[in-house]
N, C-alpha and C. Protein backbone atom coordinates (compact mmCIF):
# COMPACT_ATOMS: atom_id res chain seq x y z
N MET A 1 0.84 -1.17 0.00
CA MET A 1 0.00 0.00 0.00
C MET A 1 0.89 1.24 0.00
N GLU A 2 0.53 2.19 -0.78
CA GLU A 2 1.33 3.41 -0.88
C GLU A 2 1.03 4.34 0.29
N LYS A 3 1.99 5.22 0.57
CA LYS A 3 1.83 6.14 1.69
C LYS A 3 0.66 7.10 1.46
N GLY A 4 0.47 7.58 0.28
CA GLY A 4 -0.61 8.51 -0.06
C GLY A 4 -1.97 7.84 0.08
N ASN A 5 -2.06 6.58 -0.30
CA ASN A 5 -3.31 5.84 -0.21
C ASN A 5 -3.71 5.66 1.26
N SER A 6 -2.75 5.38 2.13
CA SER A 6 -3.00 5.20 3.56
C SER A 6 -3.54 6.49 4.18
N CYS A 7 -2.95 7.59 3.82
CA CYS A 7 -3.40 8.89 4.35
C CYS A 7 -4.80 9.24 3.86
N SER A 8 -5.09 8.90 2.62
CA SER A 8 -6.41 9.24 2.08
C SER A 8 -7.49 8.41 2.78
N LEU A 9 -7.19 7.14 3.13
CA LEU A 9 -8.16 6.32 3.86
C LEU A 9 -8.42 6.90 5.25
N GLU A 10 -7.36 7.36 5.90
CA GLU A 10 -7.52 7.96 7.23
C GLU A 10 -8.30 9.27 7.13
N THR A 11 -8.02 10.06 6.11
CA THR A 11 -8.73 11.31 5.90
C THR A 11 -10.21 11.04 5.63
N LEU A 12 -10.51 10.06 4.81
CA LEU A 12 -11.89 9.70 4.51
C LEU A 12 -12.61 9.25 5.78
N SER A 13 -11.94 8.45 6.59
CA SER A 13 -12.53 7.99 7.85
C SER A 13 -12.82 9.17 8.78
N THR A 14 -11.90 10.11 8.85
CA THR A 14 -12.09 11.29 9.69
C THR A 14 -13.25 12.13 9.20
N LEU A 15 -13.38 12.29 7.89
CA LEU A 15 -14.48 13.07 7.32
C LEU A 15 -15.83 12.39 7.58
N LYS A 16 -15.86 11.07 7.50
CA LYS A 16 -17.11 10.35 7.79
C LYS A 16 -17.50 10.52 9.26
N PHE A 17 -16.50 10.45 10.14
CA PHE A 17 -16.77 10.65 11.57
C PHE A 17 -17.31 12.06 11.81
N ALA A 18 -16.70 13.05 11.19
CA ALA A 18 -17.14 14.44 11.36
C ALA A 18 -18.57 14.61 10.87
N GLN A 19 -18.92 13.93 9.78
CA GLN A 19 -20.29 14.01 9.25
C GLN A 19 -21.27 13.43 10.26
N ARG A 20 -20.93 12.29 10.87
CA ARG A 20 -21.82 11.68 11.87
C ARG A 20 -21.91 12.55 13.12
N ALA A 21 -20.78 13.12 13.55
CA ALA A 21 -20.74 13.94 14.76
C ALA A 21 -21.56 15.21 14.60
N LYS A 22 -21.69 15.68 13.38
CA LYS A 22 -22.44 16.90 13.12
C LYS A 22 -23.92 16.74 13.49
N PHE A 23 -24.43 15.53 13.46
CA PHE A 23 -25.84 15.30 13.71
C PHE A 23 -26.15 14.97 15.18
N ILE A 24 -25.16 14.98 16.02
CA ILE A 24 -25.38 14.72 17.45
C ILE A 24 -26.08 15.92 18.08
N LYS A 25 -27.15 15.65 18.79
CA LYS A 25 -27.91 16.71 19.46
C LYS A 25 -27.80 16.52 20.97
N ASN A 26 -27.51 17.59 21.68
CA ASN A 26 -27.46 17.58 23.14
C ASN A 26 -28.62 18.39 23.68
N ASN A 27 -29.25 17.87 24.71
CA ASN A 27 -30.34 18.58 25.37
C ASN A 27 -29.91 18.93 26.78
N ALA A 28 -29.62 20.21 27.00
CA ALA A 28 -29.19 20.66 28.33
C ALA A 28 -30.39 20.72 29.25
N VAL A 29 -30.20 20.27 30.49
CA VAL A 29 -31.25 20.30 31.49
C VAL A 29 -30.71 21.00 32.72
N VAL A 30 -31.49 21.94 33.25
CA VAL A 30 -31.09 22.66 34.45
C VAL A 30 -31.38 21.78 35.66
N ASN A 31 -30.41 21.66 36.54
CA ASN A 31 -30.61 20.88 37.76
C ASN A 31 -31.67 21.55 38.62
N GLU A 32 -32.55 20.72 39.19
CA GLU A 32 -33.61 21.25 40.04
C GLU A 32 -33.11 21.38 41.47
N ASP A 33 -33.67 22.35 42.17
CA ASP A 33 -33.34 22.52 43.58
C ASP A 33 -34.15 21.53 44.38
N ALA A 34 -33.47 20.56 44.95
CA ALA A 34 -34.16 19.49 45.68
C ALA A 34 -33.98 19.63 47.18
N SER A 35 -33.61 20.82 47.66
CA SER A 35 -33.34 20.98 49.09
C SER A 35 -34.58 20.72 49.92
N GLY A 36 -35.76 21.11 49.45
CA GLY A 36 -37.00 20.83 50.16
C GLY A 36 -37.28 19.35 50.23
N ASP A 37 -36.99 18.66 49.15
CA ASP A 37 -37.18 17.21 49.12
C ASP A 37 -36.26 16.52 50.11
N VAL A 38 -35.04 17.01 50.23
CA VAL A 38 -34.06 16.41 51.14
C VAL A 38 -34.54 16.53 52.58
N VAL A 39 -35.06 17.69 52.94
CA VAL A 39 -35.56 17.91 54.30
C VAL A 39 -36.73 16.98 54.58
N ALA A 40 -37.64 16.87 53.63
CA ALA A 40 -38.80 15.99 53.81
C ALA A 40 -38.37 14.54 53.92
N MET A 41 -37.40 14.13 53.14
CA MET A 41 -36.92 12.75 53.19
C MET A 41 -36.21 12.46 54.51
N ARG A 42 -35.45 13.42 55.02
CA ARG A 42 -34.78 13.22 56.32
C ARG A 42 -35.81 13.07 57.43
N LEU A 43 -36.88 13.86 57.38
CA LEU A 43 -37.95 13.75 58.37
C LEU A 43 -38.61 12.38 58.28
N GLN A 44 -38.88 11.94 57.06
CA GLN A 44 -39.50 10.63 56.87
C GLN A 44 -38.57 9.51 57.37
N ILE A 45 -37.27 9.63 57.11
CA ILE A 45 -36.31 8.63 57.59
C ILE A 45 -36.34 8.56 59.12
N GLN A 46 -36.37 9.71 59.77
CA GLN A 46 -36.41 9.74 61.23
C GLN A 46 -37.69 9.08 61.74
N GLN A 47 -38.81 9.36 61.11
CA GLN A 47 -40.08 8.76 61.51
C GLN A 47 -40.05 7.25 61.31
N LEU A 48 -39.48 6.80 60.21
CA LEU A 48 -39.41 5.36 59.95
C LEU A 48 -38.48 4.67 60.94
N LYS A 49 -37.40 5.33 61.32
CA LYS A 49 -36.50 4.76 62.33
C LYS A 49 -37.23 4.59 63.66
N GLU A 50 -38.04 5.58 64.03
CA GLU A 50 -38.82 5.48 65.27
C GLU A 50 -39.81 4.32 65.19
N GLU A 51 -40.46 4.19 64.05
CA GLU A 51 -41.41 3.10 63.88
C GLU A 51 -40.72 1.74 63.97
N VAL A 52 -39.56 1.60 63.34
CA VAL A 52 -38.80 0.35 63.40
C VAL A 52 -38.41 0.05 64.84
N SER A 53 -38.00 1.08 65.56
CA SER A 53 -37.62 0.90 66.96
C SER A 53 -38.80 0.38 67.78
N HIS A 54 -39.98 0.96 67.58
CA HIS A 54 -41.17 0.52 68.29
C HIS A 54 -41.52 -0.93 67.93
N LEU A 55 -41.44 -1.24 66.67
CA LEU A 55 -41.78 -2.60 66.23
C LEU A 55 -40.77 -3.62 66.73
N ARG A 56 -39.50 -3.26 66.76
CA ARG A 56 -38.49 -4.18 67.30
C ARG A 56 -38.73 -4.43 68.78
N ALA A 57 -39.10 -3.38 69.51
CA ALA A 57 -39.39 -3.54 70.93
C ALA A 57 -40.59 -4.47 71.11
N PHE A 58 -41.57 -4.34 70.27
CA PHE A 58 -42.75 -5.21 70.36
C PHE A 58 -42.38 -6.66 70.08
N VAL A 59 -41.59 -6.88 69.03
CA VAL A 59 -41.18 -8.24 68.66
C VAL A 59 -40.35 -8.86 69.78
N ASN A 60 -39.55 -8.08 70.44
CA ASN A 60 -38.71 -8.57 71.52
C ASN A 60 -39.47 -8.71 72.83
N GLY A 61 -40.76 -8.40 72.83
CA GLY A 61 -41.59 -8.55 74.02
C GLY A 61 -41.43 -7.44 75.03
N LYS A 62 -40.85 -6.33 74.64
CA LYS A 62 -40.63 -5.22 75.57
C LYS A 62 -41.81 -4.26 75.59
N SER A 63 -42.71 -4.42 74.64
CA SER A 63 -43.86 -3.53 74.59
C SER A 63 -45.11 -4.33 74.96
N GLU A 64 -45.83 -3.88 75.96
CA GLU A 64 -47.01 -4.60 76.42
C GLU A 64 -48.25 -4.23 75.63
N ASN A 65 -48.29 -3.03 75.09
CA ASN A 65 -49.49 -2.59 74.40
C ASN A 65 -49.11 -1.88 73.11
N LEU A 66 -48.96 -2.63 72.05
CA LEU A 66 -48.53 -2.08 70.76
C LEU A 66 -49.56 -1.12 70.20
N ASP A 67 -50.84 -1.41 70.34
CA ASP A 67 -51.88 -0.55 69.78
C ASP A 67 -51.79 0.87 70.33
N ASN A 68 -51.56 1.00 71.62
CA ASN A 68 -51.46 2.33 72.21
C ASN A 68 -50.19 3.05 71.73
N GLU A 69 -49.10 2.31 71.62
CA GLU A 69 -47.85 2.94 71.16
C GLU A 69 -47.97 3.42 69.73
N ILE A 70 -48.49 2.56 68.85
CA ILE A 70 -48.59 2.95 67.44
C ILE A 70 -49.61 4.05 67.28
N GLY A 71 -50.67 4.03 68.04
CA GLY A 71 -51.68 5.08 67.95
C GLY A 71 -51.13 6.44 68.32
N THR A 72 -50.15 6.50 69.21
CA THR A 72 -49.59 7.77 69.61
C THR A 72 -48.28 8.08 68.92
N CYS A 73 -47.78 7.14 68.14
CA CYS A 73 -46.50 7.34 67.44
C CYS A 73 -46.65 8.42 66.38
N CYS A 74 -45.64 9.26 66.29
CA CYS A 74 -45.70 10.35 65.31
C CYS A 74 -45.45 9.87 63.89
N CYS A 75 -45.09 8.62 63.72
CA CYS A 75 -44.69 8.15 62.40
C CYS A 75 -45.80 7.45 61.65
N THR A 76 -46.97 7.30 62.20
CA THR A 76 -48.06 6.66 61.47
C THR A 76 -48.91 7.72 60.83
N ALA A 77 -49.48 7.35 59.71
CA ALA A 77 -50.29 8.33 58.97
C ALA A 77 -51.74 8.21 59.36
């Protein structure tokens, strides 16, 4: 293969790549402020931890009246 022929194949390949790259479309998206969501999720996590703690105590026999505890628990809806 001649040196000129090798360069022309590489040039052709580069031009084909450039043609394909020209049609690539990017869609920019602005990041949303999720700080309110984070606070709400942290509150929910804390409530769920309290509920798990109450339920573990019940399963371990440390709670005599689960209905009263769950009824007054802040984590039930």
